[in-house]
Amino acid sequence: MRVAVLGTGMVGQAVAGRFDELGHDVHVGTRDPAATMSRTEPDQLGNPPFPAWRERHPGVRLDTYADAAAVAELVVNATPGTVTLEVLEAAGAEHLDGKVLIDISNPLVFTPDGPPTLFVENTDSLGERIQRAYPGARVVKALNTVNAELMAHPATLAGGDHSIFVCGDDATAKAQVTEVLTSFGHTDVIDLGGIISARGVEMYLPVWLRLMAALGTARFNVRVIR
């Protein structure tokens, strides 16, 4: 399958790398490929620059957002929530129309004096805003409740025996995304309903951030027992 992963940060790298490992034709989208490949410094979290990751995944192609989305059968939004709509505009509505769009983004605003806050909550969600802006896309919210490592390799924690969620209005799209998540190693994929359910999984992030601080690690997840 031809997959476009929009975003070159640690989330985009993790997800694109997993698709590559599984044998998919992966295109990573960025604003300026030449500028991205010229980076030599670690990112703000100390992660190696994109070219170092690319050396380990030589089969992955780096394109502009538009070129990556144009050739894809499946599009993954792995960009920060603050720039998501801007990035999708650069990708082009015509390149998203009719395609499944997995949205991993969270509506987080980072401040220097306190924990991140949500710029949309309660009566709306970033997932819904994406679906409204691109009605032709088949948006599925998923993977935003775990860190990048567990998105791509859930089996590194409890053998993958923990829960992940999908939200979206298109049942066929959710089924396709569930197959993708299962191929990644997720063993408990729970369908929460329509894209309105993205409100819940996005508003979980303040709890996730507090758990990370309390546990001293981002390597955790929840398991729904029934």
N, C-alpha and C. Protein backbone atom coordinates (compact mmCIF):
# COMPACT_ATOMS: atom_id res chain seq x y z
N MET A 1 0.84 -1.19 0.00
CA MET A 1 0.00 0.00 0.00
C MET A 1 0.88 1.25 0.00
N ARG A 2 0.48 2.26 -0.76
CA ARG A 2 1.20 3.53 -0.77
C ARG A 2 0.69 4.41 0.35
N VAL A 3 1.59 4.77 1.24
CA VAL A 3 1.23 5.52 2.45
C VAL A 3 1.97 6.84 2.46
N ALA A 4 1.26 7.93 2.74
CA ALA A 4 1.88 9.23 2.97
C ALA A 4 1.80 9.54 4.45
N VAL A 5 2.94 9.79 5.06
CA VAL A 5 2.99 10.21 6.45
C VAL A 5 3.41 11.67 6.45
N LEU A 6 2.52 12.55 6.87
CA LEU A 6 2.79 13.98 6.88
C LEU A 6 3.40 14.35 8.22
N GLY A 7 4.65 14.76 8.20
CA GLY A 7 5.35 15.11 9.43
C GLY A 7 6.64 14.33 9.57
N THR A 8 7.72 15.03 9.92
CA THR A 8 9.04 14.39 10.00
C THR A 8 9.57 14.31 11.43
N GLY A 9 8.74 14.64 12.42
CA GLY A 9 9.16 14.55 13.81
C GLY A 9 9.17 13.11 14.30
N MET A 10 9.29 12.93 15.62
CA MET A 10 9.44 11.57 16.14
C MET A 10 8.20 10.73 15.90
N VAL A 11 7.01 11.34 15.91
CA VAL A 11 5.80 10.57 15.62
C VAL A 11 5.78 10.14 14.15
N GLY A 12 6.04 11.09 13.26
CA GLY A 12 6.09 10.74 11.84
C GLY A 12 7.14 9.70 11.54
N GLN A 13 8.31 9.82 12.16
CA GLN A 13 9.38 8.85 11.94
C GLN A 13 8.97 7.47 12.44
N ALA A 14 8.36 7.42 13.62
CA ALA A 14 7.99 6.13 14.18
C ALA A 14 6.95 5.41 13.31
N VAL A 15 5.93 6.15 12.90
CA VAL A 15 4.86 5.54 12.11
C VAL A 15 5.34 5.20 10.70
N ALA A 16 6.08 6.11 10.07
CA ALA A 16 6.61 5.84 8.73
C ALA A 16 7.56 4.65 8.78
N GLY A 17 8.39 4.60 9.81
CA GLY A 17 9.32 3.48 9.94
C GLY A 17 8.60 2.16 10.07
N ARG A 18 7.50 2.15 10.81
CA ARG A 18 6.74 0.90 10.99
C ARG A 18 6.10 0.46 9.67
N PHE A 19 5.51 1.41 8.94
CA PHE A 19 4.96 1.06 7.63
C PHE A 19 6.06 0.52 6.72
N ASP A 20 7.23 1.12 6.77
CA ASP A 20 8.36 0.66 5.96
C ASP A 20 8.76 -0.76 6.35
N GLU A 21 8.86 -1.03 7.64
CA GLU A 21 9.21 -2.37 8.12
C GLU A 21 8.22 -3.42 7.61
N LEU A 22 6.96 -3.01 7.49
CA LEU A 22 5.91 -3.95 7.07
C LEU A 22 5.78 -4.06 5.56
N GLY A 23 6.68 -3.38 4.83
CA GLY A 23 6.74 -3.57 3.38
C GLY A 23 5.89 -2.63 2.56
N HIS A 24 5.36 -1.57 3.14
CA HIS A 24 4.55 -0.61 2.38
C HIS A 24 5.45 0.38 1.63
N ASP A 25 4.87 1.02 0.64
CA ASP A 25 5.55 2.06 -0.13
C ASP A 25 5.30 3.38 0.59
N VAL A 26 6.31 3.90 1.29
CA VAL A 26 6.11 5.02 2.21
C VAL A 26 6.70 6.31 1.66
N HIS A 27 5.90 7.37 1.70
CA HIS A 27 6.32 8.71 1.33
C HIS A 27 6.10 9.60 2.54
N VAL A 28 7.16 10.25 2.99
CA VAL A 28 7.05 11.19 4.10
C VAL A 28 6.93 12.60 3.54
N GLY A 29 5.94 13.33 4.04
CA GLY A 29 5.71 14.68 3.55
C GLY A 29 6.28 15.73 4.48
N THR A 30 6.89 16.76 3.89
CA THR A 30 7.44 17.88 4.65
C THR A 30 7.25 19.15 3.84
N ARG A 31 7.42 20.29 4.47
CA ARG A 31 7.22 21.56 3.75
C ARG A 31 8.30 21.77 2.70
N ASP A 32 9.57 21.51 3.08
CA ASP A 32 10.70 21.77 2.20
C ASP A 32 11.68 20.60 2.33
N PRO A 33 11.64 19.63 1.42
CA PRO A 33 12.51 18.45 1.53
C PRO A 33 13.99 18.80 1.64
N ALA A 34 14.45 19.78 0.89
CA ALA A 34 15.87 20.13 0.95
C ALA A 34 16.24 20.64 2.33
N ALA A 35 15.39 21.49 2.90
CA ALA A 35 15.67 22.02 4.24
C ALA A 35 15.64 20.91 5.27
N THR A 36 14.70 19.99 5.14
CA THR A 36 14.60 18.87 6.08
C THR A 36 15.86 18.02 6.03
N MET A 37 16.37 17.75 4.84
CA MET A 37 17.56 16.91 4.69
C MET A 37 18.84 17.63 5.07
N SER A 38 18.77 18.95 5.25
CA SER A 38 19.97 19.69 5.64
C SER A 38 20.13 19.80 7.15
N ARG A 39 19.16 19.31 7.90
CA ARG A 39 19.24 19.42 9.35
C ARG A 39 20.37 18.56 9.91
N THR A 40 21.10 19.13 10.83
CA THR A 40 22.21 18.41 11.46
C THR A 40 22.10 18.38 12.97
N GLU A 41 21.23 19.20 13.54
CA GLU A 41 21.10 19.29 14.99
C GLU A 41 19.94 18.45 15.48
N PRO A 42 20.05 17.90 16.69
CA PRO A 42 18.90 17.18 17.29
C PRO A 42 17.71 18.12 17.46
N ASP A 43 16.52 17.53 17.59
CA ASP A 43 15.33 18.35 17.81
C ASP A 43 15.28 18.82 19.26
N GLN A 44 14.18 19.48 19.63
CA GLN A 44 14.07 20.07 20.97
C GLN A 44 14.10 19.02 22.08
N LEU A 45 13.76 17.79 21.75
CA LEU A 45 13.77 16.71 22.74
C LEU A 45 15.06 15.90 22.70
N GLY A 46 15.99 16.33 21.86
CA GLY A 46 17.26 15.62 21.78
C GLY A 46 17.29 14.47 20.82
N ASN A 47 16.22 14.27 20.03
CA ASN A 47 16.19 13.19 19.06
C ASN A 47 17.07 13.54 17.85
N PRO A 48 17.69 12.54 17.24
CA PRO A 48 18.56 12.80 16.08
C PRO A 48 17.79 13.48 14.95
N PRO A 49 18.47 14.25 14.12
CA PRO A 49 17.79 14.92 13.00
C PRO A 49 17.27 13.92 11.98
N PHE A 50 16.34 14.37 11.15
CA PHE A 50 15.68 13.49 10.19
C PHE A 50 16.66 12.74 9.29
N PRO A 51 17.72 13.36 8.76
CA PRO A 51 18.63 12.61 7.89
C PRO A 51 19.20 11.35 8.54
N ALA A 52 19.42 11.37 9.85
CA ALA A 52 19.93 10.18 10.54
C ALA A 52 18.91 9.06 10.49
N TRP A 53 17.63 9.41 10.67
CA TRP A 53 16.56 8.41 10.56
C TRP A 53 16.46 7.90 9.13
N ARG A 54 16.58 8.79 8.18
CA ARG A 54 16.44 8.42 6.76
C ARG A 54 17.51 7.41 6.35
N GLU A 55 18.69 7.51 6.91
CA GLU A 55 19.75 6.56 6.59
C GLU A 55 19.34 5.14 6.96
N ARG A 56 18.53 5.00 7.99
CA ARG A 56 18.08 3.67 8.42
C ARG A 56 16.87 3.20 7.61
N HIS A 57 16.28 4.10 6.84
CA HIS A 57 15.10 3.75 6.03
C HIS A 57 15.29 4.30 4.62
N PRO A 58 16.28 3.78 3.89
CA PRO A 58 16.60 4.34 2.57
C PRO A 58 15.48 4.18 1.55
N GLY A 59 14.56 3.25 1.79
CA GLY A 59 13.48 3.05 0.84
C GLY A 59 12.34 4.05 0.97
N VAL A 60 12.34 4.82 2.05
CA VAL A 60 11.30 5.82 2.27
C VAL A 60 11.63 7.07 1.46
N ARG A 61 10.64 7.58 0.76
CA ARG A 61 10.85 8.76 -0.07
C ARG A 61 10.40 10.01 0.68
N LEU A 62 11.16 11.09 0.57
CA LEU A 62 10.82 12.38 1.17
C LEU A 62 10.28 13.30 0.08
N ASP A 63 9.06 13.80 0.27
CA ASP A 63 8.39 14.64 -0.71
C ASP A 63 7.81 15.88 -0.02
N THR A 64 7.30 16.80 -0.81
CA THR A 64 6.48 17.86 -0.24
C THR A 64 5.18 17.24 0.26
N TYR A 65 4.46 17.98 1.08
CA TYR A 65 3.17 17.49 1.57
C TYR A 65 2.25 17.11 0.41
N ALA A 66 2.20 17.98 -0.59
CA ALA A 66 1.29 17.75 -1.71
C ALA A 66 1.70 16.53 -2.52
N ASP A 67 2.99 16.40 -2.81
CA ASP A 67 3.44 15.26 -3.62
C ASP A 67 3.25 13.95 -2.88
N ALA A 68 3.50 13.95 -1.57
CA ALA A 68 3.31 12.73 -0.80
C ALA A 68 1.84 12.32 -0.78
N ALA A 69 0.96 13.29 -0.51
CA ALA A 69 -0.47 12.97 -0.44
C ALA A 69 -1.03 12.57 -1.80
N ALA A 70 -0.49 13.15 -2.86
CA ALA A 70 -1.03 12.89 -4.20
C ALA A 70 -0.91 11.42 -4.59
N VAL A 71 0.19 10.77 -4.22
CA VAL A 71 0.42 9.40 -4.66
C VAL A 71 -0.12 8.37 -3.68
N ALA A 72 -0.59 8.82 -2.52
CA ALA A 72 -0.93 7.89 -1.44
C ALA A 72 -2.33 7.29 -1.60
N GLU A 73 -2.45 6.08 -1.09
CA GLU A 73 -3.76 5.47 -0.90
C GLU A 73 -4.27 5.73 0.52
N LEU A 74 -3.35 5.88 1.45
CA LEU A 74 -3.65 6.14 2.85
C LEU A 74 -2.78 7.31 3.31
N VAL A 75 -3.38 8.28 3.99
CA VAL A 75 -2.65 9.46 4.47
C VAL A 75 -2.66 9.45 5.99
N VAL A 76 -1.52 9.74 6.60
CA VAL A 76 -1.41 9.82 8.05
C VAL A 76 -0.97 11.23 8.42
N ASN A 77 -1.77 11.90 9.24
CA ASN A 77 -1.39 13.22 9.75
C ASN A 77 -0.63 13.03 11.06
N ALA A 78 0.68 13.22 11.02
CA ALA A 78 1.54 13.07 12.20
C ALA A 78 2.19 14.39 12.55
N THR A 79 1.45 15.49 12.36
CA THR A 79 1.97 16.82 12.63
C THR A 79 1.44 17.34 13.96
N PRO A 80 2.10 18.32 14.58
CA PRO A 80 1.56 18.94 15.78
C PRO A 80 0.20 19.58 15.50
N GLY A 81 -0.70 19.50 16.48
CA GLY A 81 -2.05 20.00 16.27
C GLY A 81 -2.12 21.46 15.90
N THR A 82 -1.17 22.25 16.36
CA THR A 82 -1.19 23.69 16.08
C THR A 82 -0.98 24.01 14.61
N VAL A 83 -0.39 23.08 13.85
CA VAL A 83 -0.13 23.34 12.43
C VAL A 83 -0.86 22.36 11.52
N THR A 84 -1.69 21.50 12.11
CA THR A 84 -2.33 20.44 11.33
C THR A 84 -3.13 20.97 10.15
N LEU A 85 -4.02 21.93 10.38
CA LEU A 85 -4.87 22.42 9.29
C LEU A 85 -4.05 23.13 8.22
N GLU A 86 -2.99 23.81 8.64
CA GLU A 86 -2.10 24.46 7.68
C GLU A 86 -1.40 23.42 6.81
N VAL A 87 -0.94 22.33 7.43
CA VAL A 87 -0.26 21.27 6.68
C VAL A 87 -1.22 20.60 5.72
N LEU A 88 -2.43 20.30 6.16
CA LEU A 88 -3.40 19.64 5.28
C LEU A 88 -3.79 20.54 4.12
N GLU A 89 -3.82 21.85 4.35
CA GLU A 89 -4.07 22.78 3.25
C GLU A 89 -2.94 22.70 2.23
N ALA A 90 -1.70 22.58 2.72
CA ALA A 90 -0.56 22.45 1.82
C ALA A 90 -0.60 21.12 1.07
N ALA A 91 -1.12 20.09 1.72
CA ALA A 91 -1.24 18.78 1.06
C ALA A 91 -2.25 18.84 -0.09
N GLY A 92 -3.30 19.64 0.09
CA GLY A 92 -4.28 19.84 -0.97
C GLY A 92 -5.52 18.99 -0.81
N ALA A 93 -6.67 19.64 -0.79
CA ALA A 93 -7.94 18.91 -0.64
C ALA A 93 -8.12 17.88 -1.73
N GLU A 94 -7.66 18.20 -2.94
CA GLU A 94 -7.82 17.27 -4.05
C GLU A 94 -7.01 15.99 -3.86
N HIS A 95 -5.97 16.06 -3.05
CA HIS A 95 -5.14 14.88 -2.78
C HIS A 95 -5.63 14.09 -1.57
N LEU A 96 -6.60 14.64 -0.83
CA LEU A 96 -7.16 13.95 0.33
C LEU A 96 -8.54 13.39 0.02
N ASP A 97 -9.17 13.89 -1.00
CA ASP A 97 -10.55 13.52 -1.31
C ASP A 97 -10.69 12.02 -1.54
N GLY A 98 -11.60 11.40 -0.81
CA GLY A 98 -11.88 9.98 -0.96
C GLY A 98 -10.93 9.06 -0.22
N LYS A 99 -9.88 9.61 0.37
CA LYS A 99 -8.86 8.77 1.00
C LYS A 99 -9.08 8.67 2.51
N VAL A 100 -8.63 7.57 3.08
CA VAL A 100 -8.62 7.43 4.53
C VAL A 100 -7.50 8.31 5.07
N LEU A 101 -7.84 9.13 6.06
CA LEU A 101 -6.87 10.02 6.69
C LEU A 101 -6.81 9.68 8.18
N ILE A 102 -5.72 9.06 8.59
CA ILE A 102 -5.53 8.77 10.01
C ILE A 102 -4.98 10.02 10.68
N ASP A 103 -5.72 10.53 11.66
CA ASP A 103 -5.29 11.73 12.36
C ASP A 103 -4.74 11.37 13.73
N ILE A 104 -3.42 11.59 13.92
CA ILE A 104 -2.75 11.28 15.19
C ILE A 104 -2.57 12.54 16.03
N SER A 105 -2.89 13.70 15.48
CA SER A 105 -2.55 14.97 16.13
C SER A 105 -3.37 15.21 17.40
N ASN A 106 -2.83 16.08 18.27
CA ASN A 106 -3.52 16.51 19.48
C ASN A 106 -3.54 18.03 19.54
N PRO A 107 -4.63 18.63 20.03
CA PRO A 107 -4.75 20.09 20.07
C PRO A 107 -4.04 20.70 21.27
N LEU A 108 -2.74 20.47 21.36
CA LEU A 108 -1.96 20.91 22.51
C LEU A 108 -1.24 22.22 22.21
N VAL A 109 -1.27 23.11 23.18
CA VAL A 109 -0.50 24.34 23.14
C VAL A 109 0.51 24.29 24.28
N PHE A 110 1.79 24.39 23.95
CA PHE A 110 2.85 24.30 24.96
C PHE A 110 3.21 25.70 25.44
N THR A 111 3.32 25.84 26.75
CA THR A 111 3.67 27.12 27.35
C THR A 111 4.90 26.94 28.23
N PRO A 112 5.70 27.98 28.40
CA PRO A 112 6.92 27.85 29.19
C PRO A 112 6.68 27.76 30.69
N ASP A 113 5.50 28.18 31.15
CA ASP A 113 5.27 28.30 32.59
C ASP A 113 4.34 27.23 33.17
N GLY A 114 3.96 26.25 32.40
CA GLY A 114 3.04 25.25 32.91
C GLY A 114 2.82 24.13 31.92
N PRO A 115 1.97 23.18 32.29
CA PRO A 115 1.72 22.06 31.38
C PRO A 115 0.96 22.51 30.14
N PRO A 116 1.03 21.75 29.05
CA PRO A 116 0.28 22.10 27.84
C PRO A 116 -1.22 22.16 28.11
N THR A 117 -1.90 22.98 27.34
CA THR A 117 -3.35 23.08 27.42
C THR A 117 -3.94 22.72 26.06
N LEU A 118 -5.26 22.51 26.03
CA LEU A 118 -5.96 22.18 24.79
C LEU A 118 -6.55 23.44 24.17
N PHE A 119 -6.34 23.64 22.87
CA PHE A 119 -6.91 24.82 22.23
C PHE A 119 -8.31 24.56 21.68
N VAL A 120 -8.77 23.31 21.77
CA VAL A 120 -10.16 22.98 21.45
C VAL A 120 -10.57 21.84 22.37
N GLU A 121 -11.79 21.91 22.92
CA GLU A 121 -12.22 20.87 23.86
C GLU A 121 -13.73 20.96 24.07
N ASN A 122 -14.27 19.94 24.69
CA ASN A 122 -15.66 19.86 25.14
C ASN A 122 -16.69 19.85 24.01
N THR A 123 -16.82 20.94 23.28
CA THR A 123 -17.87 21.05 22.26
C THR A 123 -17.35 20.86 20.84
N ASP A 124 -16.08 20.56 20.71
CA ASP A 124 -15.48 20.36 19.39
C ASP A 124 -14.17 19.61 19.59
N SER A 125 -13.56 19.21 18.51
CA SER A 125 -12.26 18.52 18.57
C SER A 125 -11.49 18.82 17.31
N LEU A 126 -10.20 18.59 17.36
CA LEU A 126 -9.37 18.79 16.17
C LEU A 126 -9.78 17.79 15.09
N GLY A 127 -10.09 16.57 15.50
CA GLY A 127 -10.54 15.57 14.52
C GLY A 127 -11.77 16.04 13.76
N GLU A 128 -12.73 16.63 14.48
CA GLU A 128 -13.94 17.14 13.83
C GLU A 128 -13.62 18.32 12.91
N ARG A 129 -12.71 19.17 13.35
CA ARG A 129 -12.34 20.31 12.51
C ARG A 129 -11.72 19.85 11.21
N ILE A 130 -10.91 18.82 11.27
CA ILE A 130 -10.31 18.27 10.05
C ILE A 130 -11.40 17.72 9.14
N GLN A 131 -12.35 16.96 9.72
CA GLN A 131 -13.40 16.37 8.90
C GLN A 131 -14.26 17.45 8.26
N ARG A 132 -14.55 18.53 9.00
CA ARG A 132 -15.34 19.62 8.42
C ARG A 132 -14.58 20.34 7.32
N ALA A 133 -13.28 20.54 7.53
CA ALA A 133 -12.48 21.25 6.53
C ALA A 133 -12.28 20.43 5.26
N TYR A 134 -12.28 19.10 5.41
CA TYR A 134 -12.04 18.20 4.27
C TYR A 134 -13.13 17.12 4.25
N PRO A 135 -14.35 17.52 3.88
CA PRO A 135 -15.48 16.57 3.92
C PRO A 135 -15.30 15.38 3.01
N GLY A 136 -14.45 15.51 2.00
CA GLY A 136 -14.22 14.38 1.10
C GLY A 136 -13.27 13.35 1.67
N ALA A 137 -12.51 13.72 2.69
CA ALA A 137 -11.60 12.77 3.33
C ALA A 137 -12.37 11.89 4.31
N ARG A 138 -11.85 10.72 4.55
CA ARG A 138 -12.48 9.77 5.48
C ARG A 138 -11.61 9.72 6.73
N VAL A 139 -11.88 10.66 7.64
CA VAL A 139 -11.00 10.90 8.79
C VAL A 139 -11.25 9.87 9.89
N VAL A 140 -10.16 9.29 10.38
CA VAL A 140 -10.21 8.38 11.51
C VAL A 140 -9.20 8.84 12.54
N LYS A 141 -9.68 9.18 13.72
CA LYS A 141 -8.78 9.55 14.82
C LYS A 141 -8.26 8.28 15.47
N ALA A 142 -6.94 8.20 15.63
CA ALA A 142 -6.34 7.01 16.22
C ALA A 142 -4.93 7.32 16.67
N LEU A 143 -4.43 6.52 17.61
CA LEU A 143 -3.03 6.51 18.04
C LEU A 143 -2.60 7.74 18.83
N ASN A 144 -3.49 8.70 19.07
CA ASN A 144 -3.08 9.93 19.75
C ASN A 144 -2.98 9.77 21.26
N THR A 145 -3.31 8.60 21.80
CA THR A 145 -3.33 8.40 23.25
C THR A 145 -2.09 7.67 23.78
N VAL A 146 -1.11 7.42 22.92
CA VAL A 146 0.13 6.76 23.34
C VAL A 146 1.32 7.49 22.73
N ASN A 147 2.51 7.21 23.26
CA ASN A 147 3.69 7.86 22.71
C ASN A 147 4.11 7.20 21.40
N ALA A 148 5.07 7.79 20.73
CA ALA A 148 5.44 7.35 19.39
C ALA A 148 5.90 5.89 19.37
N GLU A 149 6.68 5.49 20.37
CA GLU A 149 7.17 4.12 20.41
C GLU A 149 6.02 3.11 20.44
N LEU A 150 5.02 3.38 21.28
CA LEU A 150 3.91 2.43 21.41
C LEU A 150 2.93 2.51 20.25
N MET A 151 2.87 3.65 19.56
CA MET A 151 2.07 3.70 18.34
C MET A 151 2.54 2.65 17.35
N ALA A 152 3.85 2.62 17.16
CA ALA A 152 4.43 1.78 16.11
C ALA A 152 4.74 0.37 16.57
N HIS A 153 5.13 0.21 17.82
CA HIS A 153 5.55 -1.10 18.34
C HIS A 153 4.89 -1.36 19.69
N PRO A 154 3.58 -1.57 19.70
CA PRO A 154 2.87 -1.77 20.97
C PRO A 154 3.34 -2.99 21.75
N ALA A 155 3.90 -3.97 21.05
CA ALA A 155 4.32 -5.20 21.73
C ALA A 155 5.49 -4.98 22.68
N THR A 156 6.15 -3.82 22.61
CA THR A 156 7.24 -3.55 23.54
C THR A 156 6.72 -3.32 24.96
N LEU A 157 5.41 -3.15 25.12
CA LEU A 157 4.79 -2.99 26.43
C LEU A 157 3.72 -4.06 26.60
N ALA A 158 3.94 -4.96 27.57
CA ALA A 158 2.95 -6.00 27.89
C ALA A 158 2.52 -6.80 26.67
N GLY A 159 3.43 -6.98 25.73
CA GLY A 159 3.12 -7.78 24.55
C GLY A 159 2.02 -7.21 23.68
N GLY A 160 1.76 -5.91 23.83
CA GLY A 160 0.70 -5.29 23.05
C GLY A 160 -0.67 -5.43 23.68
N ASP A 161 -0.72 -5.98 24.89
CA ASP A 161 -2.00 -6.24 25.55
C ASP A 161 -2.50 -4.99 26.27
N HIS A 162 -2.82 -3.97 25.48
CA HIS A 162 -3.39 -2.73 26.00
C HIS A 162 -4.27 -2.14 24.91
N SER A 163 -5.03 -1.10 25.23
CA SER A 163 -6.11 -0.65 24.36
C SER A 163 -5.75 0.59 23.55
N ILE A 164 -6.28 0.61 22.34
CA ILE A 164 -6.14 1.77 21.46
C ILE A 164 -7.52 2.03 20.86
N PHE A 165 -7.76 3.25 20.41
CA PHE A 165 -9.11 3.66 20.03
C PHE A 165 -9.16 4.19 18.60
N VAL A 166 -10.31 4.02 17.96
CA VAL A 166 -10.56 4.63 16.66
C VAL A 166 -11.88 5.38 16.73
N CYS A 167 -11.93 6.54 16.06
CA CYS A 167 -13.13 7.36 15.99
C CYS A 167 -13.29 7.84 14.55
N GLY A 168 -14.49 7.77 14.02
CA GLY A 168 -14.69 8.25 12.67
C GLY A 168 -16.10 7.95 12.18
N ASP A 169 -16.53 8.69 11.18
CA ASP A 169 -17.89 8.54 10.66
C ASP A 169 -18.03 7.46 9.60
N ASP A 170 -16.92 7.01 9.04
CA ASP A 170 -16.94 6.04 7.94
C ASP A 170 -16.54 4.67 8.47
N ALA A 171 -17.49 3.75 8.50
CA ALA A 171 -17.24 2.42 9.08
C ALA A 171 -16.18 1.65 8.29
N THR A 172 -16.19 1.79 6.97
CA THR A 172 -15.21 1.08 6.15
C THR A 172 -13.81 1.62 6.43
N ALA A 173 -13.69 2.94 6.58
CA ALA A 173 -12.40 3.54 6.88
C ALA A 173 -11.89 3.07 8.23
N LYS A 174 -12.78 3.00 9.22
CA LYS A 174 -12.36 2.53 10.54
C LYS A 174 -11.92 1.07 10.49
N ALA A 175 -12.59 0.28 9.69
CA ALA A 175 -12.18 -1.12 9.55
C ALA A 175 -10.79 -1.23 8.93
N GLN A 176 -10.51 -0.38 7.94
CA GLN A 176 -9.19 -0.39 7.32
C GLN A 176 -8.11 0.06 8.31
N VAL A 177 -8.41 1.09 9.08
CA VAL A 177 -7.45 1.56 10.08
C VAL A 177 -7.24 0.50 11.15
N THR A 178 -8.29 -0.18 11.54
CA THR A 178 -8.16 -1.27 12.52
C THR A 178 -7.23 -2.35 12.00
N GLU A 179 -7.32 -2.67 10.72
CA GLU A 179 -6.40 -3.66 10.13
C GLU A 179 -4.97 -3.16 10.20
N VAL A 180 -4.76 -1.87 9.94
CA VAL A 180 -3.41 -1.30 10.03
C VAL A 180 -2.90 -1.41 11.46
N LEU A 181 -3.72 -1.03 12.43
CA LEU A 181 -3.30 -1.08 13.83
C LEU A 181 -3.00 -2.51 14.26
N THR A 182 -3.79 -3.43 13.81
CA THR A 182 -3.55 -4.85 14.13
C THR A 182 -2.23 -5.31 13.54
N SER A 183 -1.93 -4.85 12.33
CA SER A 183 -0.65 -5.23 11.69
C SER A 183 0.52 -4.64 12.46
N PHE A 184 0.32 -3.50 13.11
CA PHE A 184 1.36 -2.90 13.94
C PHE A 184 1.59 -3.71 15.21
N GLY A 185 0.57 -4.49 15.62
CA GLY A 185 0.67 -5.29 16.84
C GLY A 185 -0.31 -4.91 17.93
N HIS A 186 -1.23 -4.00 17.65
CA HIS A 186 -2.25 -3.62 18.63
C HIS A 186 -3.28 -4.75 18.73
N THR A 187 -3.50 -5.22 19.94
CA THR A 187 -4.36 -6.39 20.14
C THR A 187 -5.78 -6.05 20.59
N ASP A 188 -6.01 -4.80 21.00
CA ASP A 188 -7.33 -4.42 21.50
C ASP A 188 -7.70 -3.05 20.94
N VAL A 189 -8.31 -3.04 19.76
CA VAL A 189 -8.71 -1.80 19.08
C VAL A 189 -10.19 -1.60 19.34
N ILE A 190 -10.54 -0.48 19.97
CA ILE A 190 -11.92 -0.22 20.37
C ILE A 190 -12.49 0.92 19.53
N ASP A 191 -13.62 0.66 18.87
CA ASP A 191 -14.31 1.66 18.06
C ASP A 191 -15.22 2.48 18.98
N LEU A 192 -14.92 3.77 19.13
CA LEU A 192 -15.69 4.64 20.02
C LEU A 192 -16.87 5.30 19.33
N GLY A 193 -17.01 5.13 18.02
CA GLY A 193 -18.13 5.73 17.32
C GLY A 193 -17.68 6.79 16.33
N GLY A 194 -18.52 7.78 16.10
CA GLY A 194 -18.26 8.80 15.10
C GLY A 194 -17.11 9.71 15.46
N ILE A 195 -16.79 10.61 14.54
CA ILE A 195 -15.65 11.51 14.75
C ILE A 195 -15.88 12.42 15.95
N ILE A 196 -17.13 12.61 16.37
CA ILE A 196 -17.40 13.39 17.59
C ILE A 196 -16.71 12.77 18.80
N SER A 197 -16.44 11.46 18.74
CA SER A 197 -15.76 10.78 19.85
C SER A 197 -14.31 11.23 19.99
N ALA A 198 -13.78 11.91 18.98
CA ALA A 198 -12.41 12.44 19.09
C ALA A 198 -12.30 13.42 20.25
N ARG A 199 -13.41 14.02 20.66
CA ARG A 199 -13.36 14.92 21.81
C ARG A 199 -12.83 14.19 23.04
N GLY A 200 -13.30 12.99 23.24
CA GLY A 200 -12.89 12.24 24.42
C GLY A 200 -11.43 11.85 24.40
N VAL A 201 -10.96 11.30 23.28
CA VAL A 201 -9.57 10.85 23.24
C VAL A 201 -8.60 12.02 23.23
N GLU A 202 -9.03 13.17 22.69
CA GLU A 202 -8.16 14.34 22.76
C GLU A 202 -8.13 14.91 24.18
N MET A 203 -9.26 14.91 24.87
CA MET A 203 -9.29 15.45 26.23
C MET A 203 -8.65 14.51 27.25
N TYR A 204 -8.32 13.29 26.82
CA TYR A 204 -7.54 12.39 27.67
C TYR A 204 -6.10 12.87 27.84
N LEU A 205 -5.64 13.71 26.92
CA LEU A 205 -4.22 14.11 26.94
C LEU A 205 -3.80 14.80 28.24
N PRO A 206 -4.60 15.67 28.86
CA PRO A 206 -4.17 16.21 30.15
C PRO A 206 -3.94 15.12 31.20
N VAL A 207 -4.76 14.08 31.19
CA VAL A 207 -4.54 12.96 32.12
C VAL A 207 -3.24 12.24 31.75
N TRP A 208 -3.04 12.01 30.44
CA TRP A 208 -1.82 11.33 29.98
C TRP A 208 -0.58 12.09 30.42
N LEU A 209 -0.61 13.40 30.30
CA LEU A 209 0.54 14.21 30.68
C LEU A 209 0.81 14.13 32.17
N ARG A 210 -0.25 14.10 32.99
CA ARG A 210 -0.07 13.97 34.43
C ARG A 210 0.47 12.59 34.79
N LEU A 211 -0.01 11.58 34.08
CA LEU A 211 0.51 10.23 34.31
C LEU A 211 1.99 10.14 33.95
N MET A 212 2.37 10.76 32.85
CA MET A 212 3.77 10.74 32.46
C MET A 212 4.64 11.38 33.53
N ALA A 213 4.17 12.50 34.09
CA ALA A 213 4.93 13.17 35.14
C ALA A 213 5.00 12.30 36.39
N ALA A 214 3.90 11.66 36.74
CA ALA A 214 3.86 10.85 37.96
C ALA A 214 4.70 9.59 37.82
N LEU A 215 4.68 8.98 36.63
CA LEU A 215 5.38 7.72 36.41
C LEU A 215 6.84 7.93 36.02
N GLY A 216 7.16 9.12 35.54
CA GLY A 216 8.52 9.39 35.09
C GLY A 216 8.88 8.74 33.78
N THR A 217 7.87 8.40 32.99
CA THR A 217 8.10 7.77 31.69
C THR A 217 6.87 7.98 30.82
N ALA A 218 7.07 7.96 29.49
CA ALA A 218 5.95 8.01 28.55
C ALA A 218 5.60 6.62 28.04
N ARG A 219 6.25 5.62 28.58
CA ARG A 219 6.06 4.25 28.10
C ARG A 219 5.00 3.54 28.94
N PHE A 220 3.74 3.94 28.71
CA PHE A 220 2.61 3.35 29.42
C PHE A 220 1.37 3.49 28.56
N ASN A 221 0.34 2.74 28.89
CA ASN A 221 -0.95 2.85 28.23
C ASN A 221 -2.03 2.30 29.15
N VAL A 222 -3.28 2.45 28.74
CA VAL A 222 -4.40 1.93 29.49
C VAL A 222 -4.89 0.63 28.85
N ARG A 223 -5.52 -0.19 29.66
CA ARG A 223 -6.16 -1.40 29.18
C ARG A 223 -7.60 -1.38 29.66
N VAL A 224 -8.56 -1.50 28.74
CA VAL A 224 -9.95 -1.52 29.10
C VAL A 224 -10.34 -2.96 29.44
N ILE A 225 -10.70 -3.19 30.69
CA ILE A 225 -11.06 -4.53 31.16
C ILE A 225 -12.58 -4.68 31.07
N ARG A 226 -13.01 -5.74 30.43
CA ARG A 226 -14.45 -6.00 30.36
C ARG A 226 -14.72 -7.49 30.45
